[in-house]
Amino acid sequence: MKCDTAVVIANWNGKEYLKDCFDSLLGQTQKNFKIIFVDNGSDDGSVDFVQENYSETDIISLEKNTGFAKGYNIGIKKALED
């Protein structure tokens, strides 16, 4: 299914906030969207948490923290490719 919207989440060691973030997104009435999760080299288990609990998410796992803007730019590039 072609989606209308992509939500890009840039993350660095924010595992404690991810459940609320994802549950809020998935609980809304608009369902025609995809989530792109860009992890900036976290070491807190963020990527594993998203893989285990939100498997429909596109995950981009970066080796190091590239910063806020570059993380989002990578996610936006992925969204536009799709």
N, C-alpha and C. Protein backbone atom coordinates (compact mmCIF):
# COMPACT_ATOMS: atom_id res chain seq x y z
N MET A 1 0.84 -1.20 0.00
CA MET A 1 0.00 0.00 0.00
C MET A 1 0.88 1.25 0.00
N LYS A 2 0.56 2.17 -0.87
CA LYS A 2 1.27 3.44 -0.91
C LYS A 2 0.79 4.30 0.26
N CYS A 3 1.74 4.89 0.97
CA CYS A 3 1.34 5.71 2.11
C CYS A 3 1.41 7.19 1.76
N ASP A 4 0.64 7.97 2.48
CA ASP A 4 0.58 9.41 2.27
C ASP A 4 1.66 10.16 3.04
N THR A 5 2.11 9.58 4.14
CA THR A 5 2.96 10.30 5.08
C THR A 5 4.05 9.39 5.62
N ALA A 6 5.22 9.96 5.83
CA ALA A 6 6.30 9.26 6.53
C ALA A 6 6.65 10.08 7.77
N VAL A 7 6.76 9.40 8.88
CA VAL A 7 7.17 10.03 10.12
C VAL A 7 8.60 9.59 10.38
N VAL A 8 9.51 10.56 10.48
CA VAL A 8 10.92 10.26 10.73
C VAL A 8 11.21 10.55 12.21
N ILE A 9 11.78 9.56 12.87
CA ILE A 9 12.19 9.71 14.27
C ILE A 9 13.69 9.56 14.32
N ALA A 10 14.39 10.62 14.71
CA ALA A 10 15.83 10.54 14.94
C ALA A 10 16.03 10.28 16.43
N ASN A 11 16.92 9.36 16.73
CA ASN A 11 17.09 8.93 18.11
C ASN A 11 18.57 8.79 18.46
N TRP A 12 18.89 9.16 19.68
CA TRP A 12 20.20 8.85 20.26
C TRP A 12 19.98 8.58 21.74
N ASN A 13 20.09 7.32 22.10
CA ASN A 13 19.94 6.88 23.48
C ASN A 13 18.63 7.36 24.12
N GLY A 14 17.55 7.31 23.37
CA GLY A 14 16.26 7.75 23.88
C GLY A 14 15.28 6.61 24.12
N LYS A 15 15.81 5.43 24.40
CA LYS A 15 14.95 4.25 24.56
C LYS A 15 13.80 4.49 25.53
N GLU A 16 14.05 5.19 26.61
CA GLU A 16 13.02 5.40 27.63
C GLU A 16 11.80 6.16 27.09
N TYR A 17 11.94 6.86 25.98
CA TYR A 17 10.84 7.64 25.40
C TYR A 17 10.15 6.94 24.23
N LEU A 18 10.74 5.86 23.73
CA LEU A 18 10.26 5.27 22.49
C LEU A 18 8.89 4.62 22.60
N LYS A 19 8.59 3.95 23.69
CA LYS A 19 7.27 3.31 23.83
C LYS A 19 6.16 4.35 23.71
N ASP A 20 6.26 5.42 24.47
CA ASP A 20 5.23 6.47 24.41
C ASP A 20 5.15 7.08 23.02
N CYS A 21 6.29 7.32 22.40
CA CYS A 21 6.32 7.92 21.06
C CYS A 21 5.62 7.02 20.04
N PHE A 22 6.04 5.75 19.98
CA PHE A 22 5.46 4.83 19.00
C PHE A 22 3.99 4.54 19.29
N ASP A 23 3.65 4.33 20.55
CA ASP A 23 2.26 4.04 20.89
C ASP A 23 1.35 5.22 20.54
N SER A 24 1.84 6.43 20.72
CA SER A 24 1.07 7.61 20.36
C SER A 24 0.85 7.67 18.85
N LEU A 25 1.90 7.44 18.09
CA LEU A 25 1.77 7.44 16.63
C LEU A 25 0.80 6.37 16.15
N LEU A 26 0.93 5.17 16.69
CA LEU A 26 0.09 4.06 16.25
C LEU A 26 -1.34 4.15 16.75
N GLY A 27 -1.59 5.00 17.74
CA GLY A 27 -2.92 5.15 18.30
C GLY A 27 -3.77 6.21 17.64
N GLN A 28 -3.22 6.91 16.69
CA GLN A 28 -3.99 7.97 16.05
C GLN A 28 -4.96 7.42 15.01
N THR A 29 -5.86 8.23 14.56
CA THR A 29 -6.87 7.76 13.61
C THR A 29 -6.32 7.66 12.18
N GLN A 30 -5.35 8.49 11.82
CA GLN A 30 -4.70 8.40 10.51
C GLN A 30 -3.83 7.14 10.50
N LYS A 31 -4.09 6.24 9.60
CA LYS A 31 -3.36 4.96 9.56
C LYS A 31 -2.47 4.81 8.33
N ASN A 32 -2.61 5.70 7.35
CA ASN A 32 -1.87 5.56 6.11
C ASN A 32 -0.53 6.30 6.20
N PHE A 33 0.38 5.77 7.01
CA PHE A 33 1.70 6.37 7.17
C PHE A 33 2.69 5.27 7.51
N LYS A 34 3.96 5.61 7.34
CA LYS A 34 5.00 4.70 7.77
C LYS A 34 5.95 5.44 8.70
N ILE A 35 6.66 4.68 9.50
CA ILE A 35 7.61 5.25 10.45
C ILE A 35 9.02 4.85 10.01
N ILE A 36 9.88 5.85 9.94
CA ILE A 36 11.30 5.63 9.67
C ILE A 36 12.06 6.05 10.92
N PHE A 37 12.74 5.09 11.52
CA PHE A 37 13.48 5.30 12.76
C PHE A 37 14.96 5.37 12.43
N VAL A 38 15.58 6.51 12.69
CA VAL A 38 17.01 6.69 12.43
C VAL A 38 17.72 6.72 13.77
N ASP A 39 18.51 5.71 14.04
CA ASP A 39 19.24 5.65 15.30
C ASP A 39 20.67 6.14 15.09
N ASN A 40 21.06 7.12 15.86
CA ASN A 40 22.36 7.76 15.77
C ASN A 40 23.39 7.09 16.68
N GLY A 41 23.61 5.80 16.51
CA GLY A 41 24.66 5.11 17.25
C GLY A 41 24.37 4.92 18.73
N SER A 42 23.12 4.72 19.09
CA SER A 42 22.76 4.52 20.50
C SER A 42 23.42 3.27 21.08
N ASP A 43 23.67 3.32 22.38
CA ASP A 43 24.18 2.14 23.08
C ASP A 43 23.26 1.73 24.22
N ASP A 44 21.99 2.16 24.15
CA ASP A 44 21.03 1.86 25.21
C ASP A 44 20.00 0.81 24.82
N GLY A 45 20.19 0.13 23.69
CA GLY A 45 19.25 -0.90 23.25
C GLY A 45 18.06 -0.37 22.48
N SER A 46 18.11 0.87 22.03
CA SER A 46 16.99 1.47 21.30
C SER A 46 16.61 0.67 20.06
N VAL A 47 17.59 0.30 19.26
CA VAL A 47 17.31 -0.41 18.01
C VAL A 47 16.66 -1.75 18.30
N ASP A 48 17.21 -2.50 19.25
CA ASP A 48 16.62 -3.79 19.61
C ASP A 48 15.19 -3.63 20.09
N PHE A 49 14.93 -2.59 20.88
CA PHE A 49 13.58 -2.34 21.39
C PHE A 49 12.60 -2.11 20.25
N VAL A 50 12.99 -1.29 19.28
CA VAL A 50 12.10 -0.99 18.15
C VAL A 50 11.91 -2.25 17.30
N GLN A 51 12.97 -2.98 17.03
CA GLN A 51 12.86 -4.22 16.25
C GLN A 51 11.91 -5.21 16.90
N GLU A 52 11.99 -5.35 18.21
CA GLU A 52 11.18 -6.33 18.93
C GLU A 52 9.73 -5.90 19.09
N ASN A 53 9.48 -4.62 19.21
CA ASN A 53 8.13 -4.14 19.56
C ASN A 53 7.38 -3.44 18.43
N TYR A 54 8.08 -2.95 17.44
CA TYR A 54 7.46 -2.19 16.36
C TYR A 54 8.07 -2.64 15.03
N SER A 55 7.88 -3.90 14.72
CA SER A 55 8.57 -4.54 13.58
C SER A 55 8.18 -3.95 12.23
N GLU A 56 7.09 -3.22 12.14
CA GLU A 56 6.67 -2.62 10.87
C GLU A 56 7.47 -1.35 10.55
N THR A 57 8.32 -0.94 11.47
CA THR A 57 9.11 0.28 11.33
C THR A 57 10.33 0.06 10.44
N ASP A 58 10.60 1.01 9.55
CA ASP A 58 11.85 1.01 8.79
C ASP A 58 12.94 1.55 9.71
N ILE A 59 14.00 0.78 9.90
CA ILE A 59 15.06 1.18 10.82
C ILE A 59 16.34 1.45 10.04
N ILE A 60 16.92 2.61 10.30
CA ILE A 60 18.24 2.95 9.79
C ILE A 60 19.13 3.08 11.01
N SER A 61 20.10 2.21 11.12
CA SER A 61 20.98 2.19 12.28
C SER A 61 22.36 2.71 11.87
N LEU A 62 22.71 3.88 12.37
CA LEU A 62 24.00 4.50 12.05
C LEU A 62 25.04 4.06 13.09
N GLU A 63 26.27 3.96 12.66
CA GLU A 63 27.34 3.49 13.55
C GLU A 63 27.72 4.51 14.61
N LYS A 64 27.55 5.80 14.29
CA LYS A 64 27.92 6.84 15.25
C LYS A 64 26.87 7.94 15.22
N ASN A 65 26.93 8.81 16.21
CA ASN A 65 26.00 9.92 16.29
C ASN A 65 26.39 10.96 15.25
N THR A 66 25.56 11.12 14.25
CA THR A 66 25.82 12.08 13.18
C THR A 66 25.21 13.44 13.46
N GLY A 67 24.49 13.55 14.56
CA GLY A 67 23.85 14.81 14.92
C GLY A 67 22.38 14.83 14.51
N PHE A 68 21.67 15.76 15.08
CA PHE A 68 20.23 15.89 14.90
C PHE A 68 19.87 16.09 13.43
N ALA A 69 20.43 17.10 12.80
CA ALA A 69 20.03 17.45 11.43
C ALA A 69 20.39 16.35 10.44
N LYS A 70 21.61 15.82 10.52
CA LYS A 70 22.01 14.79 9.56
C LYS A 70 21.17 13.53 9.74
N GLY A 71 20.84 13.17 10.99
CA GLY A 71 19.98 12.01 11.23
C GLY A 71 18.63 12.18 10.55
N TYR A 72 18.03 13.35 10.72
CA TYR A 72 16.75 13.61 10.05
C TYR A 72 16.88 13.65 8.53
N ASN A 73 17.95 14.24 8.04
CA ASN A 73 18.15 14.29 6.59
C ASN A 73 18.27 12.89 5.99
N ILE A 74 18.93 11.99 6.69
CA ILE A 74 19.04 10.60 6.23
C ILE A 74 17.65 9.97 6.19
N GLY A 75 16.84 10.21 7.22
CA GLY A 75 15.48 9.67 7.26
C GLY A 75 14.59 10.25 6.17
N ILE A 76 14.71 11.55 5.93
CA ILE A 76 13.91 12.19 4.89
C ILE A 76 14.31 11.65 3.52
N LYS A 77 15.59 11.47 3.30
CA LYS A 77 16.06 10.90 2.03
C LYS A 77 15.43 9.52 1.79
N LYS A 78 15.41 8.70 2.83
CA LYS A 78 14.79 7.37 2.74
C LYS A 78 13.31 7.51 2.41
N ALA A 79 12.62 8.43 3.06
CA ALA A 79 11.19 8.62 2.82
C ALA A 79 10.93 9.02 1.37
N LEU A 80 11.76 9.88 0.82
CA LEU A 80 11.56 10.33 -0.55
C LEU A 80 11.91 9.26 -1.57
N GLU A 81 12.82 8.36 -1.23
CA GLU A 81 13.14 7.24 -2.13
C GLU A 81 11.96 6.28 -2.25
N ASP A 82 11.26 6.08 -1.16
CA ASP A 82 10.14 5.16 -1.14
C ASP A 82 8.93 5.79 -1.78
